[in-house]
Amino acid sequence: MDNLTPSIDFSRPIDPTVFKDRVALITGGASGIGEGVARALASHGALVAIVDFNASLGEALAKELTTQGQKAKFFKCDVTDWSQQAQVFKDTVAWGNGRLSIVIPSAGLGATSLKAELEKVHHIDEPVEPNLRVLDVNLKGVYFTTSLALHYFWHLAASPAPQLCLIASLAGYTGLPMAADYCASKFGVRGLWKTLRANGGSREMGGCQVNVIAPTYIRTPMTGDLCDRLEAGGIKVGVVGDVVAAVLRAVGDERVEGRAICACAGGEGGEGSRNFDLEDDLEHGDGALKLRAATEKDGPLGAITGVSRNQM
């Protein structure tokens, strides 16, 4: 059976002191969702390792947080390179005085259009090898991060239980037109989470809790143009704070294990106020069923998925 707790009660408060002095490693931590999570954890007293390929953004963020009296350090890394990631984990553990408590693989790229890629080479008789960069970053990189996290969690035997929080997407629950590489990568991350959860695997291998976040369209530097087009069409998109709220719930509540959280555009209750448990488990069935039920019940479909009814 899957190792998981009951569906999440989002009305329960999270005690932010649980993050104090815990060592967190966040890939893609220099911008977007990763940056938002890094800022939140640092503000609650965590030691935050900001891992990113963009040195200028990463160093600036680490300097800003440090100037504010928080604890952060930047580590440059291409997450698709195993040796670089392995070194970053080693350096982070050393910086954290032999500790590592929270790992969040947030590094990711947006989709390339399968149709557009094929149109580029339609005049060529021989097929052209596709660009796999999105899969390399979004899936292979996440797999590397996960493997390293489990290794260190296992060997360091941290207490309380360390936290692994994967960042997938609602594109891991429903297909997006032509976004084959992105959807494949996010379905893959979801599959990785399900495998770690099965039969208490994450507890057995690394003694950790494992959860996954599946955001809707979120406005970040990477998605700005897309979000502009969606909002121009009357579709509500989420903000980074909606995802941060989901991540803090996943890594800050010991009663949340093996759960999938849909991070969607917050309502009157503020950022994260409309997040919900996808109930992606054996008891309730595929999480896509909960997603469909939620979108049918709770206003315009675009408010959660970023897709309007006339696009279905």
Foldseek 3Di string as FASTA:
>chain_A
DFAWFPWDDVVDDFDLLVLALAEEEEEVLLWFLNVVLQVSSQVSHHAYEYEYQDPVSQVVSQVVSVVVVTHYDYQYDDLLDLVSLLVSLVVSCVVSVNHHAEYEYDDAAFFDFQVVVCVVCVVPPDDDDDDLPRLSRLAVSVVSSVVSQLVSLAVSVDPPAGEYEYEAACLLVDPDHRRVNNSVSRVNSVVVLRVCRPPVNSCVRRNHFYEYEHEAAEDIPNCPVVCVVLVVVVFDFAYSLLVSSVVCCRRRDPSGGSWYKYRFHDDPVDRVNPITTLPCDPVVHHSSVSLVVCCVVPPANRRRHSDGPVRD
